[in-house]
Amino acid sequence: MNLKDEITSEKLFGVKLWITAGPREKFSAAEFSVLKKFLEDGGAILVMLREGGETRYGTNINFLLEEYGIVFNNDVNS
């Protein structure tokens, strides 16, 4: 899947693990629905983000992750 392609159920068909490393754009509501269904159907997701969290990278991945008790903090401890 291309980095700019919309995430759809067709593109995730047969996928066991979806990985995103440092997402730099906001996900749409439709993409979140697809990813949530993917998880409910037994798929796995690995999300990697560096210091600064969503604020630094301009993403909104916490919207999905919060439903599963996971959150990237936007603060950085020196």
PDB file of N, CA and C in Angstrom:
ATOM      1  N   MET A   1       0.848  -1.170   0.000  1.00  0.00           N
ATOM      2  CA  MET A   1       0.000   0.000   0.000  1.00  0.00           C
ATOM      3  C   MET A   1       0.895   1.235   0.000  1.00  0.00           C
ATOM      4  N   ASN A   2       0.585   2.195  -0.841  1.00  0.00           N
ATOM      5  CA  ASN A   2       1.308   3.448  -0.915  1.00  0.00           C
ATOM      6  C   ASN A   2       1.060   4.258   0.349  1.00  0.00           C
ATOM      7  N   LEU A   3       2.018   5.062   0.744  1.00  0.00           N
ATOM      8  CA  LEU A   3       1.897   5.850   1.964  1.00  0.00           C
ATOM      9  C   LEU A   3       0.709   6.798   1.951  1.00  0.00           C
ATOM     10  N   LYS A   4       0.279   7.256   0.793  1.00  0.00           N
ATOM     11  CA  LYS A   4      -0.821   8.220   0.700  1.00  0.00           C
ATOM     12  C   LYS A   4      -2.157   7.556   0.385  1.00  0.00           C
ATOM     13  N   ASP A   5      -2.165   6.264   0.128  1.00  0.00           N
ATOM     14  CA  ASP A   5      -3.404   5.559  -0.198  1.00  0.00           C
ATOM     15  C   ASP A   5      -4.350   5.529   0.990  1.00  0.00           C
ATOM     16  N   GLU A   6      -5.631   5.632   0.701  1.00  0.00           N
ATOM     17  CA  GLU A   6      -6.645   5.483   1.748  1.00  0.00           C
ATOM     18  C   GLU A   6      -6.658   4.038   2.226  1.00  0.00           C
ATOM     19  N   ILE A   7      -6.831   3.852   3.514  1.00  0.00           N
ATOM     20  CA  ILE A   7      -6.902   2.510   4.089  1.00  0.00           C
ATOM     21  C   ILE A   7      -8.326   2.000   3.889  1.00  0.00           C
ATOM     22  N   THR A   8      -8.445   0.879   3.184  1.00  0.00           N
ATOM     23  CA  THR A   8      -9.759   0.282   2.926  1.00  0.00           C
ATOM     24  C   THR A   8      -9.729  -1.187   3.320  1.00  0.00           C
ATOM     25  N   SER A   9     -10.905  -1.759   3.513  1.00  0.00           N
ATOM     26  CA  SER A   9     -10.978  -3.181   3.870  1.00  0.00           C
ATOM     27  C   SER A   9     -10.424  -4.053   2.745  1.00  0.00           C
ATOM     28  N   GLU A  10     -10.584  -3.610   1.501  1.00  0.00           N
ATOM     29  CA  GLU A  10     -10.044  -4.374   0.361  1.00  0.00           C
ATOM     30  C   GLU A  10      -8.522  -4.428   0.411  1.00  0.00           C
ATOM     31  N   LYS A  11      -7.898  -3.332   0.794  1.00  0.00           N
ATOM     32  CA  LYS A  11      -6.437  -3.293   0.870  1.00  0.00           C
ATOM     33  C   LYS A  11      -5.903  -4.098   2.046  1.00  0.00           C
ATOM     34  N   LEU A  12      -6.728  -4.283   3.070  1.00  0.00           N
ATOM     35  CA  LEU A  12      -6.307  -5.065   4.236  1.00  0.00           C
ATOM     36  C   LEU A  12      -6.706  -6.533   4.138  1.00  0.00           C
ATOM     37  N   PHE A  13      -7.376  -6.909   3.057  1.00  0.00           N
ATOM     38  CA  PHE A  13      -7.799  -8.303   2.886  1.00  0.00           C
ATOM     39  C   PHE A  13      -6.574  -9.216   2.870  1.00  0.00           C
ATOM     40  N   GLY A  14      -6.567 -10.215   3.737  1.00  0.00           N
ATOM     41  CA  GLY A  14      -5.465 -11.164   3.824  1.00  0.00           C
ATOM     42  C   GLY A  14      -4.301 -10.691   4.673  1.00  0.00           C
ATOM     43  N   VAL A  15      -4.365  -9.475   5.173  1.00  0.00           N
ATOM     44  CA  VAL A  15      -3.292  -8.911   6.008  1.00  0.00           C
ATOM     45  C   VAL A  15      -3.501  -9.355   7.449  1.00  0.00           C
ATOM     46  N   LYS A  16      -2.433  -9.752   8.095  1.00  0.00           N
ATOM     47  CA  LYS A  16      -2.495 -10.161   9.502  1.00  0.00           C
ATOM     48  C   LYS A  16      -2.017  -9.046  10.437  1.00  0.00           C
ATOM     49  N   LEU A  17      -1.042  -8.248   9.961  1.00  0.00           N
ATOM     50  CA  LEU A  17      -0.445  -7.194  10.772  1.00  0.00           C
ATOM     51  C   LEU A  17      -0.317  -5.927   9.938  1.00  0.00           C
ATOM     52  N   TRP A  18      -0.888  -4.833  10.428  1.00  0.00           N
ATOM     53  CA  TRP A  18      -0.774  -3.529   9.770  1.00  0.00           C
ATOM     54  C   TRP A  18       0.182  -2.697  10.604  1.00  0.00           C
ATOM     55  N   ILE A  19       1.230  -2.164   9.985  1.00  0.00           N
ATOM     56  CA  ILE A  19       2.258  -1.391  10.685  1.00  0.00           C
ATOM     57  C   ILE A  19       2.255   0.033  10.161  1.00  0.00           C
ATOM     58  N   THR A  20       2.279   0.992  11.076  1.00  0.00           N
ATOM     59  CA  THR A  20       2.486   2.382  10.698  1.00  0.00           C
ATOM     60  C   THR A  20       3.586   2.948  11.583  1.00  0.00           C
ATOM     61  N   ALA A  21       4.600   3.478  10.949  1.00  0.00           N
ATOM     62  CA  ALA A  21       5.743   4.046  11.664  1.00  0.00           C
ATOM     63  C   ALA A  21       5.772   5.548  11.424  1.00  0.00           C
ATOM     64  N   GLY A  22       5.479   6.305  12.462  1.00  0.00           N
ATOM     65  CA  GLY A  22       5.516   7.758  12.359  1.00  0.00           C
ATOM     66  C   GLY A  22       4.504   8.339  11.390  1.00  0.00           C
ATOM     67  N   PRO A  23       3.203   8.010  11.551  1.00  0.00           N
ATOM     68  CA  PRO A  23       2.218   8.594  10.648  1.00  0.00           C
ATOM     69  C   PRO A  23       2.272  10.120  10.716  1.00  0.00           C
ATOM     70  N   ARG A  24       2.206  10.769   9.554  1.00  0.00           N
ATOM     71  CA  ARG A  24       2.348  12.226   9.493  1.00  0.00           C
ATOM     72  C   ARG A  24       1.117  12.922   8.926  1.00  0.00           C
ATOM     73  N   GLU A  25       0.027  12.200   8.838  1.00  0.00           N
ATOM     74  CA  GLU A  25      -1.219  12.796   8.364  1.00  0.00           C
ATOM     75  C   GLU A  25      -2.362  12.300   9.235  1.00  0.00           C
ATOM     76  N   LYS A  26      -3.457  13.003   9.162  1.00  0.00           N
ATOM     77  CA  LYS A  26      -4.633  12.602   9.930  1.00  0.00           C
ATOM     78  C   LYS A  26      -5.371  11.483   9.200  1.00  0.00           C
ATOM     79  N   PHE A  27      -5.897  10.544   9.970  1.00  0.00           N
ATOM     80  CA  PHE A  27      -6.704   9.458   9.431  1.00  0.00           C
ATOM     81  C   PHE A  27      -8.148   9.936   9.352  1.00  0.00           C
ATOM     82  N   SER A  28      -8.875   9.463   8.353  1.00  0.00           N
ATOM     83  CA  SER A  28     -10.288   9.822   8.208  1.00  0.00           C
ATOM     84  C   SER A  28     -11.143   8.923   9.099  1.00  0.00           C
ATOM     85  N   ALA A  29     -12.385   9.341   9.323  1.00  0.00           N
ATOM     86  CA  ALA A  29     -13.321   8.521  10.096  1.00  0.00           C
ATOM     87  C   ALA A  29     -13.519   7.172   9.425  1.00  0.00           C
ATOM     88  N   ALA A  30     -13.570   7.162   8.093  1.00  0.00           N
ATOM     89  CA  ALA A  30     -13.743   5.905   7.355  1.00  0.00           C
ATOM     90  C   ALA A  30     -12.547   4.979   7.582  1.00  0.00           C
ATOM     91  N   GLU A  31     -11.339   5.533   7.598  1.00  0.00           N
ATOM     92  CA  GLU A  31     -10.153   4.709   7.837  1.00  0.00           C
ATOM     93  C   GLU A  31     -10.159   4.142   9.250  1.00  0.00           C
ATOM     94  N   PHE A  32     -10.570   4.944  10.219  1.00  0.00           N
ATOM     95  CA  PHE A  32     -10.662   4.436  11.590  1.00  0.00           C
ATOM     96  C   PHE A  32     -11.675   3.299  11.675  1.00  0.00           C
ATOM     97  N   SER A  33     -12.778   3.410  10.978  1.00  0.00           N
ATOM     98  CA  SER A  33     -13.780   2.332  10.961  1.00  0.00           C
ATOM     99  C   SER A  33     -13.192   1.056  10.386  1.00  0.00           C
ATOM    100  N   VAL A  34     -12.431   1.183   9.305  1.00  0.00           N
ATOM    101  CA  VAL A  34     -11.791   0.022   8.670  1.00  0.00           C
ATOM    102  C   VAL A  34     -10.789  -0.614   9.628  1.00  0.00           C
ATOM    103  N   LEU A  35      -9.976   0.205  10.284  1.00  0.00           N
ATOM    104  CA  LEU A  35      -8.975  -0.333  11.201  1.00  0.00           C
ATOM    105  C   LEU A  35      -9.624  -0.989  12.420  1.00  0.00           C
ATOM    106  N   LYS A  36     -10.691  -0.400  12.933  1.00  0.00           N
ATOM    107  CA  LYS A  36     -11.392  -0.992  14.072  1.00  0.00           C
ATOM    108  C   LYS A  36     -11.972  -2.356  13.691  1.00  0.00           C
ATOM    109  N   LYS A  37     -12.586  -2.448  12.526  1.00  0.00           N
ATOM    110  CA  LYS A  37     -13.124  -3.726  12.034  1.00  0.00           C
ATOM    111  C   LYS A  37     -11.995  -4.734  11.844  1.00  0.00           C
ATOM    112  N   PHE A  38     -10.870  -4.283  11.308  1.00  0.00           N
ATOM    113  CA  PHE A  38      -9.685  -5.122  11.120  1.00  0.00           C
ATOM    114  C   PHE A  38      -9.258  -5.737  12.453  1.00  0.00           C
ATOM    115  N   LEU A  39      -9.214  -4.931  13.501  1.00  0.00           N
ATOM    116  CA  LEU A  39      -8.861  -5.425  14.835  1.00  0.00           C
ATOM    117  C   LEU A  39      -9.901  -6.401  15.368  1.00  0.00           C
ATOM    118  N   GLU A  40     -11.168  -6.054  15.204  1.00  0.00           N
ATOM    119  CA  GLU A  40     -12.252  -6.919  15.685  1.00  0.00           C
ATOM    120  C   GLU A  40     -12.250  -8.275  14.982  1.00  0.00           C
ATOM    121  N   ASP A  41     -11.774  -8.305  13.748  1.00  0.00           N
ATOM    122  CA  ASP A  41     -11.723  -9.549  12.973  1.00  0.00           C
ATOM    123  C   ASP A  41     -10.437 -10.346  13.206  1.00  0.00           C
ATOM    124  N   GLY A  42      -9.631  -9.907  14.180  1.00  0.00           N
ATOM    125  CA  GLY A  42      -8.432 -10.668  14.541  1.00  0.00           C
ATOM    126  C   GLY A  42      -7.131 -10.124  14.006  1.00  0.00           C
ATOM    127  N   GLY A  43      -7.172  -9.010  13.279  1.00  0.00           N
ATOM    128  CA  GLY A  43      -5.938  -8.398  12.789  1.00  0.00           C
ATOM    129  C   GLY A  43      -5.185  -7.741  13.928  1.00  0.00           C
ATOM    130  N   ALA A  44      -3.924  -7.432  13.685  1.00  0.00           N
ATOM    131  CA  ALA A  44      -3.082  -6.777  14.683  1.00  0.00           C
ATOM    132  C   ALA A  44      -2.523  -5.488  14.090  1.00  0.00           C
ATOM    133  N   ILE A  45      -2.296  -4.518  14.949  1.00  0.00           N
ATOM    134  CA  ILE A  45      -1.765  -3.225  14.529  1.00  0.00           C
ATOM    135  C   ILE A  45      -0.542  -2.898  15.368  1.00  0.00           C
ATOM    136  N   LEU A  46       0.519  -2.427  14.708  1.00  0.00           N
ATOM    137  CA  LEU A  46       1.714  -1.925  15.378  1.00  0.00           C
ATOM    138  C   LEU A  46       1.866  -0.466  14.974  1.00  0.00           C
ATOM    139  N   VAL A  47       1.809   0.434  15.963  1.00  0.00           N
ATOM    140  CA  VAL A  47       1.952   1.862  15.712  1.00  0.00           C
ATOM    141  C   VAL A  47       3.223   2.332  16.409  1.00  0.00           C
ATOM    142  N   MET A  48       4.079   3.013  15.669  1.00  0.00           N
ATOM    143  CA  MET A  48       5.311   3.557  16.239  1.00  0.00           C
ATOM    144  C   MET A  48       5.308   5.065  16.031  1.00  0.00           C
ATOM    145  N   LEU A  49       5.641   5.793  17.097  1.00  0.00           N
ATOM    146  CA  LEU A  49       5.694   7.242  17.043  1.00  0.00           C
ATOM    147  C   LEU A  49       6.796   7.697  17.979  1.00  0.00           C
ATOM    148  N   ARG A  50       7.547   8.697  17.574  1.00  0.00           N
ATOM    149  CA  ARG A  50       8.649   9.188  18.400  1.00  0.00           C
ATOM    150  C   ARG A  50       8.169  10.238  19.394  1.00  0.00           C
ATOM    151  N   GLU A  51       9.137  10.775  20.130  1.00  0.00           N
ATOM    152  CA  GLU A  51       8.862  11.823  21.106  1.00  0.00           C
ATOM    153  C   GLU A  51       8.037  12.950  20.479  1.00  0.00           C
ATOM    154  N   GLY A  52       7.117  13.467  21.251  1.00  0.00           N
ATOM    155  CA  GLY A  52       6.297  14.566  20.780  1.00  0.00           C
ATOM    156  C   GLY A  52       4.913  14.133  20.349  1.00  0.00           C
ATOM    157  N   GLY A  53       4.733  12.831  20.155  1.00  0.00           N
ATOM    158  CA  GLY A  53       3.425  12.268  19.869  1.00  0.00           C
ATOM    159  C   GLY A  53       2.695  12.873  18.698  1.00  0.00           C
ATOM    160  N   GLU A  54       1.384  12.920  18.826  1.00  0.00           N
ATOM    161  CA  GLU A  54       0.523  13.416  17.750  1.00  0.00           C
ATOM    162  C   GLU A  54       0.840  14.861  17.362  1.00  0.00           C
ATOM    163  N   THR A  55       1.106  15.688  18.341  1.00  0.00           N
ATOM    164  CA  THR A  55       1.351  17.100  18.073  1.00  0.00           C
ATOM    165  C   THR A  55       2.535  17.289  17.139  1.00  0.00           C
ATOM    166  N   ARG A  56       3.597  16.585  17.398  1.00  0.00           N
ATOM    167  CA  ARG A  56       4.803  16.730  16.582  1.00  0.00           C
ATOM    168  C   ARG A  56       4.593  16.232  15.159  1.00  0.00           C
ATOM    169  N   TYR A  57       3.799  15.195  14.988  1.00  0.00           N
ATOM    170  CA  TYR A  57       3.675  14.569  13.678  1.00  0.00           C
ATOM    171  C   TYR A  57       2.382  14.905  12.941  1.00  0.00           C
ATOM    172  N   GLY A  58       1.481  15.651  13.556  1.00  0.00           N
ATOM    173  CA  GLY A  58       0.271  16.077  12.870  1.00  0.00           C
ATOM    174  C   GLY A  58      -0.694  14.942  12.557  1.00  0.00           C
ATOM    175  N   THR A  59      -0.700  13.921  13.401  1.00  0.00           N
ATOM    176  CA  THR A  59      -1.589  12.785  13.193  1.00  0.00           C
ATOM    177  C   THR A  59      -2.682  12.774  14.261  1.00  0.00           C
ATOM    178  N   ASN A  60      -3.627  11.885  14.107  1.00  0.00           N
ATOM    179  CA  ASN A  60      -4.715  11.753  15.085  1.00  0.00           C
ATOM    180  C   ASN A  60      -4.918  10.287  15.483  1.00  0.00           C
ATOM    181  N   ILE A  61      -3.846   9.515  15.463  1.00  0.00           N
ATOM    182  CA  ILE A  61      -3.920   8.075  15.712  1.00  0.00           C
ATOM    183  C   ILE A  61      -4.445   7.750  17.106  1.00  0.00           C
ATOM    184  N   ASN A  62      -4.283   8.663  18.071  1.00  0.00           N
ATOM    185  CA  ASN A  62      -4.793   8.401  19.423  1.00  0.00           C
ATOM    186  C   ASN A  62      -6.297   8.178  19.433  1.00  0.00           C
ATOM    187  N   PHE A  63      -7.014   8.759  18.475  1.00  0.00           N
ATOM    188  CA  PHE A  63      -8.464   8.581  18.411  1.00  0.00           C
ATOM    189  C   PHE A  63      -8.813   7.094  18.363  1.00  0.00           C
ATOM    190  N   LEU A  64      -8.062   6.325  17.599  1.00  0.00           N
ATOM    191  CA  LEU A  64      -8.273   4.870  17.522  1.00  0.00           C
ATOM    192  C   LEU A  64      -7.685   4.177  18.751  1.00  0.00           C
ATOM    193  N   LEU A  65      -6.472   4.525  19.104  1.00  0.00           N
ATOM    194  CA  LEU A  65      -5.765   3.820  20.178  1.00  0.00           C
ATOM    195  C   LEU A  65      -6.441   3.974  21.537  1.00  0.00           C
ATOM    196  N   GLU A  66      -7.054   5.135  21.790  1.00  0.00           N
ATOM    197  CA  GLU A  66      -7.702   5.385  23.082  1.00  0.00           C
ATOM    198  C   GLU A  66      -8.793   4.362  23.378  1.00  0.00           C
ATOM    199  N   GLU A  67      -9.435   3.845  22.339  1.00  0.00           N
ATOM    200  CA  GLU A  67     -10.481   2.838  22.552  1.00  0.00           C
ATOM    201  C   GLU A  67      -9.914   1.543  23.140  1.00  0.00           C
ATOM    202  N   TYR A  68      -8.610   1.366  23.022  1.00  0.00           N
ATOM    203  CA  TYR A  68      -7.958   0.151  23.501  1.00  0.00           C
ATOM    204  C   TYR A  68      -7.025   0.438  24.679  1.00  0.00           C
ATOM    205  N   GLY A  69      -7.166   1.628  25.289  1.00  0.00           N
ATOM    206  CA  GLY A  69      -6.400   1.973  26.483  1.00  0.00           C
ATOM    207  C   GLY A  69      -4.955   2.356  26.210  1.00  0.00           C
ATOM    208  N   ILE A  70      -4.678   2.791  24.979  1.00  0.00           N
ATOM    209  CA  ILE A  70      -3.305   3.178  24.604  1.00  0.00           C
ATOM    210  C   ILE A  70      -3.334   4.622  24.144  1.00  0.00           C
ATOM    211  N   VAL A  71      -2.312   5.404  24.534  1.00  0.00           N
ATOM    212  CA  VAL A  71      -2.221   6.790  24.107  1.00  0.00           C
ATOM    213  C   VAL A  71      -0.765   7.186  23.973  1.00  0.00           C
ATOM    214  N   PHE A  72      -0.452   7.905  22.896  1.00  0.00           N
ATOM    215  CA  PHE A  72       0.870   8.519  22.763  1.00  0.00           C
ATOM    216  C   PHE A  72       0.804   9.872  23.432  1.00  0.00           C
ATOM    217  N   ASN A  73       1.699  10.135  24.380  1.00  0.00           N
ATOM    218  CA  ASN A  73       1.759  11.423  25.043  1.00  0.00           C
ATOM    219  C   ASN A  73       2.399  12.444  24.120  1.00  0.00           C
ATOM    220  N   ASN A  74       1.959  13.677  24.239  1.00  0.00           N
ATOM    221  CA  ASN A  74       2.541  14.760  23.446  1.00  0.00           C
ATOM    222  C   ASN A  74       3.678  15.465  24.158  1.00  0.00           C
ATOM    223  N   ASP A  75       3.878  15.156  25.443  1.00  0.00           N
ATOM    224  CA  ASP A  75       4.944  15.803  26.195  1.00  0.00           C
ATOM    225  C   ASP A  75       6.241  15.005  26.058  1.00  0.00           C
ATOM    226  N   VAL A  76       7.325  15.670  26.349  1.00  0.00           N
ATOM    227  CA  VAL A  76       8.642  15.037  26.291  1.00  0.00           C
ATOM    228  C   VAL A  76       9.378  15.372  27.584  1.00  0.00           C
ATOM    229  N   ASN A  77       9.900  14.354  28.241  1.00  0.00           N
ATOM    230  CA  ASN A  77      10.702  14.576  29.451  1.00  0.00           C
ATOM    231  C   ASN A  77      12.163  14.649  29.066  1.00  0.00           C
ATOM    232  N   SER A  78      12.840  15.687  29.519  1.00  0.00           N
ATOM    233  CA  SER A  78      14.263  15.855  29.201  1.00  0.00           C
ATOM    234  C   SER A  78      15.115  15.096  30.178  1.00  0.00           C
TER     235      SER A  78
END
